[in-house]
Amino acid sequence: MLFLGLGTGLGSAMIVDDVVEPMELAHLPYKNGKTFEDYLGLRGLERMGKKKWCKYVTRIVEELRAALNADYVVLGGGNAGKVKKLPPNTRLGKNENAFLGGIRLWSFDKKKTRIDAD
């Protein structure tokens, strides 16, 4: 699973075999001298407007999912709800799950506990 947090910036993490791996995809160069964060973060939303920003969300989500070979993508963060038509193999995450996941991440025994995507 690839997680992308659409908020002020762009958060990202991969979960592979129940292991969470934080990533810094936001700072990778994307297009026209700008980064993924410049397109999917708040700056991109303000610069392009919601309609064009949503098109880039769809495009970039599909590109990252394919490049990272993710089975599916979960969109979270404060601006994720602005995306009305989700790209294929993508779903919206819930803030409650983010809090629960954070608590579990810092408190579980990695040898005994699995992280479930649901």
PDB file of N, CA and C in Angstrom:
ATOM      1  N   MET A   1       0.841  -1.178   0.000  1.00  0.00           N
ATOM      2  CA  MET A   1       0.000   0.000   0.000  1.00  0.00           C
ATOM      3  C   MET A   1       0.881   1.234   0.000  1.00  0.00           C
ATOM      4  N   LEU A   2       0.527   2.202  -0.821  1.00  0.00           N
ATOM      5  CA  LEU A   2       1.175   3.506  -0.815  1.00  0.00           C
ATOM      6  C   LEU A   2       0.219   4.485  -0.158  1.00  0.00           C
ATOM      7  N   PHE A   3       0.694   5.203   0.850  1.00  0.00           N
ATOM      8  CA  PHE A   3      -0.093   6.249   1.491  1.00  0.00           C
ATOM      9  C   PHE A   3       0.434   7.586   1.029  1.00  0.00           C
ATOM     10  N   LEU A   4      -0.459   8.471   0.616  1.00  0.00           N
ATOM     11  CA  LEU A   4      -0.108   9.842   0.262  1.00  0.00           C
ATOM     12  C   LEU A   4      -0.981  10.785   1.067  1.00  0.00           C
ATOM     13  N   GLY A   5      -0.348  11.664   1.827  1.00  0.00           N
ATOM     14  CA  GLY A   5      -1.057  12.639   2.639  1.00  0.00           C
ATOM     15  C   GLY A   5      -1.089  13.984   1.939  1.00  0.00           C
ATOM     16  N   LEU A   6      -2.271  14.397   1.527  1.00  0.00           N
ATOM     17  CA  LEU A   6      -2.444  15.662   0.823  1.00  0.00           C
ATOM     18  C   LEU A   6      -2.847  16.736   1.820  1.00  0.00           C
ATOM     19  N   GLY A   7      -1.887  17.483   2.259  1.00  0.00           N
ATOM     20  CA  GLY A   7      -2.150  18.535   3.235  1.00  0.00           C
ATOM     21  C   GLY A   7      -1.398  19.780   2.843  1.00  0.00           C
ATOM     22  N   THR A   8      -0.786  20.431   3.817  1.00  0.00           N
ATOM     23  CA  THR A   8       0.039  21.597   3.528  1.00  0.00           C
ATOM     24  C   THR A   8       1.146  21.210   2.564  1.00  0.00           C
ATOM     25  N   GLY A   9       1.727  20.044   2.801  1.00  0.00           N
ATOM     26  CA  GLY A   9       2.751  19.492   1.916  1.00  0.00           C
ATOM     27  C   GLY A   9       2.264  18.180   1.355  1.00  0.00           C
ATOM     28  N   LEU A  10       3.171  17.242   1.220  1.00  0.00           N
ATOM     29  CA  LEU A  10       2.835  15.905   0.727  1.00  0.00           C
ATOM     30  C   LEU A  10       3.554  14.884   1.587  1.00  0.00           C
ATOM     31  N   GLY A  11       2.799  14.103   2.319  1.00  0.00           N
ATOM     32  CA  GLY A  11       3.371  13.024   3.114  1.00  0.00           C
ATOM     33  C   GLY A  11       3.288  11.727   2.339  1.00  0.00           C
ATOM     34  N   SER A  12       4.207  10.806   2.618  1.00  0.00           N
ATOM     35  CA  SER A  12       4.170   9.534   1.898  1.00  0.00           C
ATOM     36  C   SER A  12       4.800   8.424   2.726  1.00  0.00           C
ATOM     37  N   ALA A  13       4.243   7.237   2.558  1.00  0.00           N
ATOM     38  CA  ALA A  13       4.775   6.045   3.212  1.00  0.00           C
ATOM     39  C   ALA A  13       4.320   4.835   2.417  1.00  0.00           C
ATOM     40  N   MET A  14       5.117   3.778   2.490  1.00  0.00           N
ATOM     41  CA  MET A  14       4.744   2.501   1.885  1.00  0.00           C
ATOM     42  C   MET A  14       4.595   1.489   3.006  1.00  0.00           C
ATOM     43  N   ILE A  15       3.643   0.603   2.852  1.00  0.00           N
ATOM     44  CA  ILE A  15       3.511  -0.522   3.776  1.00  0.00           C
ATOM     45  C   ILE A  15       3.689  -1.775   2.928  1.00  0.00           C
ATOM     46  N   VAL A  16       4.752  -2.522   3.225  1.00  0.00           N
ATOM     47  CA  VAL A  16       5.064  -3.746   2.494  1.00  0.00           C
ATOM     48  C   VAL A  16       5.274  -4.851   3.514  1.00  0.00           C
ATOM     49  N   ASP A  17       4.548  -5.936   3.369  1.00  0.00           N
ATOM     50  CA  ASP A  17       4.646  -7.054   4.311  1.00  0.00           C
ATOM     51  C   ASP A  17       4.502  -6.578   5.755  1.00  0.00           C
ATOM     52  N   ASP A  18       3.529  -5.697   5.980  1.00  0.00           N
ATOM     53  CA  ASP A  18       3.201  -5.170   7.305  1.00  0.00           C
ATOM     54  C   ASP A  18       4.290  -4.298   7.918  1.00  0.00           C
ATOM     55  N   VAL A  19       5.208  -3.823   7.109  1.00  0.00           N
ATOM     56  CA  VAL A  19       6.261  -2.930   7.591  1.00  0.00           C
ATOM     57  C   VAL A  19       6.015  -1.549   6.994  1.00  0.00           C
ATOM     58  N   VAL A  20       5.948  -0.544   7.866  1.00  0.00           N
ATOM     59  CA  VAL A  20       5.745   0.837   7.427  1.00  0.00           C
ATOM     60  C   VAL A  20       7.102   1.459   7.123  1.00  0.00           C
ATOM     61  N   GLU A  21       7.223   1.986   5.917  1.00  0.00           N
ATOM     62  CA  GLU A  21       8.464   2.637   5.508  1.00  0.00           C
ATOM     63  C   GLU A  21       8.144   4.076   5.106  1.00  0.00           C
ATOM     64  N   PRO A  22       8.477   5.049   5.971  1.00  0.00           N
ATOM     65  CA  PRO A  22       8.259   6.449   5.599  1.00  0.00           C
ATOM     66  C   PRO A  22       9.097   6.792   4.377  1.00  0.00           C
ATOM     67  N   MET A  23       8.547   7.647   3.532  1.00  0.00           N
ATOM     68  CA  MET A  23       9.257   8.040   2.311  1.00  0.00           C
ATOM     69  C   MET A  23       9.256   9.553   2.201  1.00  0.00           C
ATOM     70  N   GLU A  24      10.144  10.079   1.388  1.00  0.00           N
ATOM     71  CA  GLU A  24      10.203  11.520   1.144  1.00  0.00           C
ATOM     72  C   GLU A  24       9.964  11.807  -0.333  1.00  0.00           C
ATOM     73  N   LEU A  25       8.870  11.289  -0.851  1.00  0.00           N
ATOM     74  CA  LEU A  25       8.549  11.498  -2.262  1.00  0.00           C
ATOM     75  C   LEU A  25       8.281  12.966  -2.570  1.00  0.00           C
ATOM     76  N   ALA A  26       7.847  13.711  -1.579  1.00  0.00           N
ATOM     77  CA  ALA A  26       7.471  15.111  -1.768  1.00  0.00           C
ATOM     78  C   ALA A  26       8.586  15.937  -2.395  1.00  0.00           C
ATOM     79  N   HIS A  27       9.825  15.621  -2.062  1.00  0.00           N
ATOM     80  CA  HIS A  27      10.940  16.469  -2.479  1.00  0.00           C
ATOM     81  C   HIS A  27      11.609  16.012  -3.766  1.00  0.00           C
ATOM     82  N   LEU A  28      11.095  14.939  -4.362  1.00  0.00           N
ATOM     83  CA  LEU A  28      11.648  14.500  -5.638  1.00  0.00           C
ATOM     84  C   LEU A  28      11.227  15.466  -6.746  1.00  0.00           C
ATOM     85  N   PRO A  29      12.128  15.731  -7.689  1.00  0.00           N
ATOM     86  CA  PRO A  29      11.746  16.606  -8.796  1.00  0.00           C
ATOM     87  C   PRO A  29      10.649  15.951  -9.637  1.00  0.00           C
ATOM     88  N   TYR A  30       9.709  16.759 -10.094  1.00  0.00           N
ATOM     89  CA  TYR A  30       8.629  16.213 -10.906  1.00  0.00           C
ATOM     90  C   TYR A  30       8.603  16.838 -12.299  1.00  0.00           C
ATOM     91  N   LYS A  31       8.313  18.129 -12.372  1.00  0.00           N
ATOM     92  CA  LYS A  31       8.086  18.735 -13.676  1.00  0.00           C
ATOM     93  C   LYS A  31       8.346  20.238 -13.584  1.00  0.00           C
ATOM     94  N   ASN A  32       8.901  20.802 -14.640  1.00  0.00           N
ATOM     95  CA  ASN A  32       9.126  22.254 -14.725  1.00  0.00           C
ATOM     96  C   ASN A  32       9.897  22.811 -13.535  1.00  0.00           C
ATOM     97  N   GLY A  33      10.877  22.041 -13.037  1.00  0.00           N
ATOM     98  CA  GLY A  33      11.686  22.491 -11.904  1.00  0.00           C
ATOM     99  C   GLY A  33      10.964  22.441 -10.566  1.00  0.00           C
ATOM    100  N   LYS A  34       9.796  21.851 -10.540  1.00  0.00           N
ATOM    101  CA  LYS A  34       9.015  21.758  -9.308  1.00  0.00           C
ATOM    102  C   LYS A  34       9.003  20.312  -8.806  1.00  0.00           C
ATOM    103  N   THR A  35       8.645  20.145  -7.548  1.00  0.00           N
ATOM    104  CA  THR A  35       8.614  18.834  -6.912  1.00  0.00           C
ATOM    105  C   THR A  35       7.182  18.290  -6.883  1.00  0.00           C
ATOM    106  N   PHE A  36       7.045  17.033  -6.458  1.00  0.00           N
ATOM    107  CA  PHE A  36       5.708  16.459  -6.276  1.00  0.00           C
ATOM    108  C   PHE A  36       4.912  17.303  -5.285  1.00  0.00           C
ATOM    109  N   GLU A  37       5.570  17.780  -4.239  1.00  0.00           N
ATOM    110  CA  GLU A  37       4.891  18.601  -3.237  1.00  0.00           C
ATOM    111  C   GLU A  37       4.381  19.906  -3.835  1.00  0.00           C
ATOM    112  N   ASP A  38       5.142  20.484  -4.765  1.00  0.00           N
ATOM    113  CA  ASP A  38       4.709  21.721  -5.412  1.00  0.00           C
ATOM    114  C   ASP A  38       3.416  21.523  -6.205  1.00  0.00           C
ATOM    115  N   TYR A  39       3.181  20.304  -6.656  1.00  0.00           N
ATOM    116  CA  TYR A  39       1.967  20.001  -7.404  1.00  0.00           C
ATOM    117  C   TYR A  39       0.825  19.508  -6.517  1.00  0.00           C
ATOM    118  N   LEU A  40       1.121  18.672  -5.525  1.00  0.00           N
ATOM    119  CA  LEU A  40       0.052  18.048  -4.745  1.00  0.00           C
ATOM    120  C   LEU A  40      -0.189  18.690  -3.381  1.00  0.00           C
ATOM    121  N   GLY A  41       0.725  19.516  -2.927  1.00  0.00           N
ATOM    122  CA  GLY A  41       0.550  20.199  -1.645  1.00  0.00           C
ATOM    123  C   GLY A  41      -0.339  21.418  -1.786  1.00  0.00           C
ATOM    124  N   LEU A  42      -0.474  22.146  -0.711  1.00  0.00           N
ATOM    125  CA  LEU A  42      -1.333  23.333  -0.674  1.00  0.00           C
ATOM    126  C   LEU A  42      -0.897  24.383  -1.704  1.00  0.00           C
ATOM    127  N   ARG A  43       0.418  24.537  -1.901  1.00  0.00           N
ATOM    128  CA  ARG A  43       0.897  25.510  -2.900  1.00  0.00           C
ATOM    129  C   ARG A  43       0.352  25.190  -4.289  1.00  0.00           C
ATOM    130  N   GLY A  44       0.341  23.908  -4.634  1.00  0.00           N
ATOM    131  CA  GLY A  44      -0.182  23.504  -5.933  1.00  0.00           C
ATOM    132  C   GLY A  44      -1.671  23.760  -6.049  1.00  0.00           C
ATOM    133  N   LEU A  45      -2.407  23.457  -5.000  1.00  0.00           N
ATOM    134  CA  LEU A  45      -3.852  23.686  -4.989  1.00  0.00           C
ATOM    135  C   LEU A  45      -4.149  25.172  -5.171  1.00  0.00           C
ATOM    136  N   GLU A  46      -3.433  26.012  -4.451  1.00  0.00           N
ATOM    137  CA  GLU A  46      -3.649  27.459  -4.552  1.00  0.00           C
ATOM    138  C   GLU A  46      -3.213  28.008  -5.906  1.00  0.00           C
ATOM    139  N   ARG A  47      -2.121  27.498  -6.445  1.00  0.00           N
ATOM    140  CA  ARG A  47      -1.585  27.983  -7.718  1.00  0.00           C
ATOM    141  C   ARG A  47      -2.460  27.562  -8.898  1.00  0.00           C
ATOM    142  N   MET A  48      -2.916  26.313  -8.898  1.00  0.00           N
ATOM    143  CA  MET A  48      -3.621  25.771 -10.061  1.00  0.00           C
ATOM    144  C   MET A  48      -5.138  25.826  -9.944  1.00  0.00           C
ATOM    145  N   GLY A  49      -5.646  25.921  -8.749  1.00  0.00           N
ATOM    146  CA  GLY A  49      -7.088  25.823  -8.554  1.00  0.00           C
ATOM    147  C   GLY A  49      -7.483  24.358  -8.402  1.00  0.00           C
ATOM    148  N   LYS A  50      -8.665  24.140  -7.846  1.00  0.00           N
ATOM    149  CA  LYS A  50      -9.089  22.787  -7.479  1.00  0.00           C
ATOM    150  C   LYS A  50      -9.196  21.845  -8.687  1.00  0.00           C
ATOM    151  N   LYS A  51      -9.785  22.297  -9.789  1.00  0.00           N
ATOM    152  CA  LYS A  51     -10.018  21.417 -10.939  1.00  0.00           C
ATOM    153  C   LYS A  51      -8.699  20.895 -11.517  1.00  0.00           C
ATOM    154  N   LYS A  52      -7.759  21.777 -11.771  1.00  0.00           N
ATOM    155  CA  LYS A  52      -6.475  21.368 -12.338  1.00  0.00           C
ATOM    156  C   LYS A  52      -5.666  20.561 -11.316  1.00  0.00           C
ATOM    157  N   TRP A  53      -5.734  20.964 -10.038  1.00  0.00           N
ATOM    158  CA  TRP A  53      -5.035  20.239  -8.975  1.00  0.00           C
ATOM    159  C   TRP A  53      -5.525  18.797  -8.908  1.00  0.00           C
ATOM    160  N   CYS A  54      -6.846  18.602  -8.985  1.00  0.00           N
ATOM    161  CA  CYS A  54      -7.410  17.247  -8.943  1.00  0.00           C
ATOM    162  C   CYS A  54      -6.917  16.405 -10.119  1.00  0.00           C
ATOM    163  N   LYS A  55      -6.763  17.024 -11.280  1.00  0.00           N
ATOM    164  CA  LYS A  55      -6.227  16.284 -12.440  1.00  0.00           C
ATOM    165  C   LYS A  55      -4.799  15.827 -12.161  1.00  0.00           C
ATOM    166  N   TYR A  56      -4.000  16.693 -11.529  1.00  0.00           N
ATOM    167  CA  TYR A  56      -2.631  16.304 -11.190  1.00  0.00           C
ATOM    168  C   TYR A  56      -2.605  15.245 -10.093  1.00  0.00           C
ATOM    169  N   VAL A  57      -3.536  15.319  -9.148  1.00  0.00           N
ATOM    170  CA  VAL A  57      -3.608  14.278  -8.120  1.00  0.00           C
ATOM    171  C   VAL A  57      -3.816  12.930  -8.800  1.00  0.00           C
ATOM    172  N   THR A  58      -4.784  12.853  -9.688  1.00  0.00           N
ATOM    173  CA  THR A  58      -5.060  11.599 -10.392  1.00  0.00           C
ATOM    174  C   THR A  58      -3.839  11.128 -11.167  1.00  0.00           C
ATOM    175  N   ARG A  59      -3.250  12.017 -11.920  1.00  0.00           N
ATOM    176  CA  ARG A  59      -2.096  11.669 -12.758  1.00  0.00           C
ATOM    177  C   ARG A  59      -0.918  11.173 -11.918  1.00  0.00           C
ATOM    178  N   ILE A  60      -0.574  11.923 -10.885  1.00  0.00           N
ATOM    179  CA  ILE A  60       0.596  11.596 -10.072  1.00  0.00           C
ATOM    180  C   ILE A  60       0.349  10.345  -9.235  1.00  0.00           C
ATOM    181  N   VAL A  61      -0.857  10.185  -8.708  1.00  0.00           N
ATOM    182  CA  VAL A  61      -1.170   8.973  -7.946  1.00  0.00           C
ATOM    183  C   VAL A  61      -0.976   7.749  -8.842  1.00  0.00           C
ATOM    184  N   GLU A  62      -1.482   7.811 -10.061  1.00  0.00           N
ATOM    185  CA  GLU A  62      -1.330   6.680 -10.981  1.00  0.00           C
ATOM    186  C   GLU A  62       0.140   6.431 -11.311  1.00  0.00           C
ATOM    187  N   GLU A  63       0.908   7.494 -11.533  1.00  0.00           N
ATOM    188  CA  GLU A  63       2.329   7.352 -11.846  1.00  0.00           C
ATOM    189  C   GLU A  63       3.103   6.744 -10.676  1.00  0.00           C
ATOM    190  N   LEU A  64       2.856   7.232  -9.463  1.00  0.00           N
ATOM    191  CA  LEU A  64       3.574   6.712  -8.294  1.00  0.00           C
ATOM    192  C   LEU A  64       3.174   5.278  -7.975  1.00  0.00           C
ATOM    193  N   ARG A  65       1.887   4.968  -8.114  1.00  0.00           N
ATOM    194  CA  ARG A  65       1.434   3.599  -7.857  1.00  0.00           C
ATOM    195  C   ARG A  65       2.131   2.628  -8.810  1.00  0.00           C
ATOM    196  N   ALA A  66       2.213   2.999 -10.074  1.00  0.00           N
ATOM    197  CA  ALA A  66       2.868   2.138 -11.060  1.00  0.00           C
ATOM    198  C   ALA A  66       4.375   2.045 -10.798  1.00  0.00           C
ATOM    199  N   ALA A  67       5.007   3.182 -10.535  1.00  0.00           N
ATOM    200  CA  ALA A  67       6.461   3.195 -10.329  1.00  0.00           C
ATOM    201  C   ALA A  67       6.881   2.410  -9.098  1.00  0.00           C
ATOM    202  N   LEU A  68       6.064   2.463  -8.043  1.00  0.00           N
ATOM    203  CA  LEU A  68       6.401   1.792  -6.788  1.00  0.00           C
ATOM    204  C   LEU A  68       5.754   0.414  -6.665  1.00  0.00           C
ATOM    205  N   ASN A  69       5.006   0.031  -7.705  1.00  0.00           N
ATOM    206  CA  ASN A  69       4.370  -1.276  -7.748  1.00  0.00           C
ATOM    207  C   ASN A  69       3.447  -1.519  -6.547  1.00  0.00           C
ATOM    208  N   ALA A  70       2.721  -0.473  -6.169  1.00  0.00           N
ATOM    209  CA  ALA A  70       1.788  -0.576  -5.041  1.00  0.00           C
ATOM    210  C   ALA A  70       0.490  -1.213  -5.508  1.00  0.00           C
ATOM    211  N   ASP A  71      -0.069  -2.080  -4.683  1.00  0.00           N
ATOM    212  CA  ASP A  71      -1.354  -2.694  -5.005  1.00  0.00           C
ATOM    213  C   ASP A  71      -2.470  -1.650  -5.024  1.00  0.00           C
ATOM    214  N   TYR A  72      -2.407  -0.727  -4.074  1.00  0.00           N
ATOM    215  CA  TYR A  72      -3.398   0.338  -4.015  1.00  0.00           C
ATOM    216  C   TYR A  72      -2.818   1.528  -3.267  1.00  0.00           C
ATOM    217  N   VAL A  73      -3.530   2.649  -3.358  1.00  0.00           N
ATOM    218  CA  VAL A  73      -3.109   3.904  -2.739  1.00  0.00           C
ATOM    219  C   VAL A  73      -4.204   4.361  -1.787  1.00  0.00           C
ATOM    220  N   VAL A  74      -3.793   4.854  -0.641  1.00  0.00           N
ATOM    221  CA  VAL A  74      -4.715   5.489   0.300  1.00  0.00           C
ATOM    222  C   VAL A  74      -4.358   6.968   0.352  1.00  0.00           C
ATOM    223  N   LEU A  75      -5.343   7.820   0.087  1.00  0.00           N
ATOM    224  CA  LEU A  75      -5.158   9.263   0.181  1.00  0.00           C
ATOM    225  C   LEU A  75      -5.688   9.729   1.519  1.00  0.00           C
ATOM    226  N   GLY A  76      -4.892  10.501   2.219  1.00  0.00           N
ATOM    227  CA  GLY A  76      -5.295  11.071   3.492  1.00  0.00           C
ATOM    228  C   GLY A  76      -4.879  12.520   3.545  1.00  0.00           C
ATOM    229  N   GLY A  77      -5.023  13.123   4.697  1.00  0.00           N
ATOM    230  CA  GLY A  77      -4.636  14.519   4.866  1.00  0.00           C
ATOM    231  C   GLY A  77      -5.820  15.456   4.665  1.00  0.00           C
ATOM    232  N   GLY A  78      -5.607  16.697   5.011  1.00  0.00           N
ATOM    233  CA  GLY A  78      -6.672  17.692   5.013  1.00  0.00           C
ATOM    234  C   GLY A  78      -7.286  18.001   3.667  1.00  0.00           C
ATOM    235  N   ASN A  79      -6.548  17.786   2.576  1.00  0.00           N
ATOM    236  CA  ASN A  79      -7.090  18.110   1.258  1.00  0.00           C
ATOM    237  C   ASN A  79      -7.567  16.890   0.482  1.00  0.00           C
ATOM    238  N   ALA A  80      -7.428  15.713   1.035  1.00  0.00           N
ATOM    239  CA  ALA A  80      -7.830  14.492   0.326  1.00  0.00           C
ATOM    240  C   ALA A  80      -9.323  14.501  -0.014  1.00  0.00           C
ATOM    241  N   GLY A  81     -10.131  15.067   0.842  1.00  0.00           N
ATOM    242  CA  GLY A  81     -11.574  15.113   0.607  1.00  0.00           C
ATOM    243  C   GLY A  81     -11.973  15.968  -0.580  1.00  0.00           C
ATOM    244  N   LYS A  82     -11.063  16.799  -1.074  1.00  0.00           N
ATOM    245  CA  LYS A  82     -11.350  17.638  -2.236  1.00  0.00           C
ATOM    246  C   LYS A  82     -11.335  16.826  -3.532  1.00  0.00           C
ATOM    247  N   VAL A  83     -10.760  15.628  -3.479  1.00  0.00           N
ATOM    248  CA  VAL A  83     -10.683  14.770  -4.663  1.00  0.00           C
ATOM    249  C   VAL A  83     -11.975  13.966  -4.720  1.00  0.00           C
ATOM    250  N   LYS A  84     -12.871  14.348  -5.608  1.00  0.00           N
ATOM    251  CA  LYS A  84     -14.183  13.693  -5.678  1.00  0.00           C
ATOM    252  C   LYS A  84     -14.134  12.416  -6.510  1.00  0.00           C
ATOM    253  N   LYS A  85     -13.368  12.405  -7.592  1.00  0.00           N
ATOM    254  CA  LYS A  85     -13.247  11.204  -8.424  1.00  0.00           C
ATOM    255  C   LYS A  85     -11.861  10.618  -8.185  1.00  0.00           C
ATOM    256  N   LEU A  86     -11.836   9.506  -7.466  1.00  0.00           N
ATOM    257  CA  LEU A  86     -10.557   8.893  -7.105  1.00  0.00           C
ATOM    258  C   LEU A  86      -9.962   8.125  -8.270  1.00  0.00           C
ATOM    259  N   PRO A  87      -8.632   8.136  -8.375  1.00  0.00           N
ATOM    260  CA  PRO A  87      -7.974   7.327  -9.401  1.00  0.00           C
ATOM    261  C   PRO A  87      -8.238   5.842  -9.147  1.00  0.00           C
ATOM    262  N   PRO A  88      -8.046   5.005 -10.167  1.00  0.00           N
ATOM    263  CA  PRO A  88      -8.224   3.562  -9.970  1.00  0.00           C
ATOM    264  C   PRO A  88      -7.314   3.044  -8.849  1.00  0.00           C
ATOM    265  N   ASN A  89      -7.781   2.035  -8.137  1.00  0.00           N
ATOM    266  CA  ASN A  89      -7.012   1.404  -7.045  1.00  0.00           C
ATOM    267  C   ASN A  89      -6.632   2.396  -5.950  1.00  0.00           C
ATOM    268  N   THR A  90      -7.517   3.346  -5.701  1.00  0.00           N
ATOM    269  CA  THR A  90      -7.272   4.384  -4.691  1.00  0.00           C
ATOM    270  C   THR A  90      -8.508   4.518  -3.818  1.00  0.00           C
ATOM    271  N   ARG A  91      -8.275   4.773  -2.533  1.00  0.00           N
ATOM    272  CA  ARG A  91      -9.391   5.038  -1.628  1.00  0.00           C
ATOM    273  C   ARG A  91      -8.987   6.128  -0.650  1.00  0.00           C
ATOM    274  N   LEU A  92      -9.980   6.731  -0.031  1.00  0.00           N
ATOM    275  CA  LEU A  92      -9.717   7.755   0.972  1.00  0.00           C
ATOM    276  C   LEU A  92      -9.463   7.098   2.325  1.00  0.00           C
ATOM    277  N   GLY A  93      -8.480   7.608   3.026  1.00  0.00           N
ATOM    278  CA  GLY A  93      -8.222   7.164   4.390  1.00  0.00           C
ATOM    279  C   GLY A  93      -9.043   8.004   5.344  1.00  0.00           C
ATOM    280  N   LYS A  94      -9.103   7.576   6.581  1.00  0.00           N
ATOM    281  CA  LYS A  94      -9.835   8.301   7.611  1.00  0.00           C
ATOM    282  C   LYS A  94      -8.842   8.790   8.656  1.00  0.00           C
ATOM    283  N   ASN A  95      -9.058  10.003   9.152  1.00  0.00           N
ATOM    284  CA  ASN A  95      -8.152  10.563  10.154  1.00  0.00           C
ATOM    285  C   ASN A  95      -8.075   9.689  11.400  1.00  0.00           C
ATOM    286  N   GLU A  96      -9.198   9.056  11.762  1.00  0.00           N
ATOM    287  CA  GLU A  96      -9.183   8.195  12.948  1.00  0.00           C
ATOM    288  C   GLU A  96      -8.174   7.061  12.765  1.00  0.00           C
ATOM    289  N   ASN A  97      -8.094   6.537  11.551  1.00  0.00           N
ATOM    290  CA  ASN A  97      -7.146   5.458  11.271  1.00  0.00           C
ATOM    291  C   ASN A  97      -5.706   5.959  11.349  1.00  0.00           C
ATOM    292  N   ALA A  98      -5.479   7.203  10.951  1.00  0.00           N
ATOM    293  CA  ALA A  98      -4.127   7.764  11.017  1.00  0.00           C
ATOM    294  C   ALA A  98      -3.675   7.871  12.471  1.00  0.00           C
ATOM    295  N   PHE A  99      -4.567   8.339  13.337  1.00  0.00           N
ATOM    296  CA  PHE A  99      -4.215   8.449  14.760  1.00  0.00           C
ATOM    297  C   PHE A  99      -3.971   7.073  15.361  1.00  0.00           C
ATOM    298  N   LEU A 100      -4.874   6.147  15.068  1.00  0.00           N
ATOM    299  CA  LEU A 100      -4.730   4.787  15.573  1.00  0.00           C
ATOM    300  C   LEU A 100      -3.439   4.152  15.052  1.00  0.00           C
ATOM    301  N   GLY A 101      -3.166   4.340  13.777  1.00  0.00           N
ATOM    302  CA  GLY A 101      -1.939   3.790  13.192  1.00  0.00           C
ATOM    303  C   GLY A 101      -0.695   4.373  13.837  1.00  0.00           C
ATOM    304  N   GLY A 102      -0.710   5.670  14.105  1.00  0.00           N
ATOM    305  CA  GLY A 102       0.435   6.297  14.769  1.00  0.00           C
ATOM    306  C   GLY A 102       0.663   5.739  16.157  1.00  0.00           C
ATOM    307  N   ILE A 103      -0.411   5.571  16.898  1.00  0.00           N
ATOM    308  CA  ILE A 103      -0.306   4.994  18.246  1.00  0.00           C
ATOM    309  C   ILE A 103       0.240   3.578  18.163  1.00  0.00           C
ATOM    310  N   ARG A 104      -0.302   2.792  17.229  1.00  0.00           N
ATOM    311  CA  ARG A 104       0.148   1.409  17.083  1.00  0.00           C
ATOM    312  C   ARG A 104       1.614   1.351  16.657  1.00  0.00           C
ATOM    313  N   LEU A 105       1.985   2.274  15.792  1.00  0.00           N
ATOM    314  CA  LEU A 105       3.353   2.275  15.291  1.00  0.00           C
ATOM    315  C   LEU A 105       4.362   2.487  16.415  1.00  0.00           C
ATOM    316  N   TRP A 106       4.028   3.356  17.349  1.00  0.00           N
ATOM    317  CA  TRP A 106       4.963   3.677  18.425  1.00  0.00           C
ATOM    318  C   TRP A 106       4.857   2.728  19.612  1.00  0.00           C
ATOM    319  N   SER A 107       3.791   1.904  19.647  1.00  0.00           N
ATOM    320  CA  SER A 107       3.603   1.116  20.850  1.00  0.00           C
ATOM    321  C   SER A 107       3.606  -0.397  20.652  1.00  0.00           C
ATOM    322  N   PHE A 108       3.639  -0.898  19.430  1.00  0.00           N
ATOM    323  CA  PHE A 108       3.517  -2.341  19.277  1.00  0.00           C
ATOM    324  C   PHE A 108       4.873  -3.043  19.189  1.00  0.00           C
ATOM    325  N   ASP A 109       4.841  -4.308  19.526  1.00  0.00           N
ATOM    326  CA  ASP A 109       6.017  -5.174  19.404  1.00  0.00           C
ATOM    327  C   ASP A 109       6.088  -5.631  17.957  1.00  0.00           C
ATOM    328  N   LYS A 110       7.066  -5.134  17.228  1.00  0.00           N
ATOM    329  CA  LYS A 110       7.171  -5.395  15.794  1.00  0.00           C
ATOM    330  C   LYS A 110       7.293  -6.877  15.463  1.00  0.00           C
ATOM    331  N   LYS A 111       7.717  -7.672  16.405  1.00  0.00           N
ATOM    332  CA  LYS A 111       7.866  -9.101  16.148  1.00  0.00           C
ATOM    333  C   LYS A 111       6.546  -9.848  16.280  1.00  0.00           C
ATOM    334  N   LYS A 112       5.571  -9.265  16.978  1.00  0.00           N
ATOM    335  CA  LYS A 112       4.335  -9.988  17.263  1.00  0.00           C
ATOM    336  C   LYS A 112       3.106  -9.390  16.617  1.00  0.00           C
ATOM    337  N   THR A 113       3.129  -8.132  16.228  1.00  0.00           N
ATOM    338  CA  THR A 113       1.919  -7.450  15.791  1.00  0.00           C
ATOM    339  C   THR A 113       1.997  -7.108  14.321  1.00  0.00           C
ATOM    340  N   ARG A 114       0.876  -7.301  13.632  1.00  0.00           N
ATOM    341  CA  ARG A 114       0.770  -6.933  12.231  1.00  0.00           C
ATOM    342  C   ARG A 114      -0.013  -5.619  12.134  1.00  0.00           C
ATOM    343  N   ILE A 115       0.281  -4.854  11.121  1.00  0.00           N
ATOM    344  CA  ILE A 115      -0.479  -3.647  10.856  1.00  0.00           C
ATOM    345  C   ILE A 115      -1.450  -3.984   9.733  1.00  0.00           C
ATOM    346  N   ASP A 116      -2.715  -3.807   9.979  1.00  0.00           N
ATOM    347  CA  ASP A 116      -3.722  -4.078   8.957  1.00  0.00           C
ATOM    348  C   ASP A 116      -4.084  -2.785   8.269  1.00  0.00           C
ATOM    349  N   ALA A 117      -4.253  -2.839   6.947  1.00  0.00           N
ATOM    350  CA  ALA A 117      -4.572  -1.657   6.163  1.00  0.00           C
ATOM    351  C   ALA A 117      -6.012  -1.219   6.360  1.00  0.00           C
ATOM    352  N   ASP A 118      -6.862  -2.084   6.850  1.00  0.00           N
ATOM    353  CA  ASP A 118      -8.277  -1.715   7.001  1.00  0.00           C
ATOM    354  C   ASP A 118      -8.488  -1.065   8.287  1.00  0.00           C
TER     355      ASP A 118
END
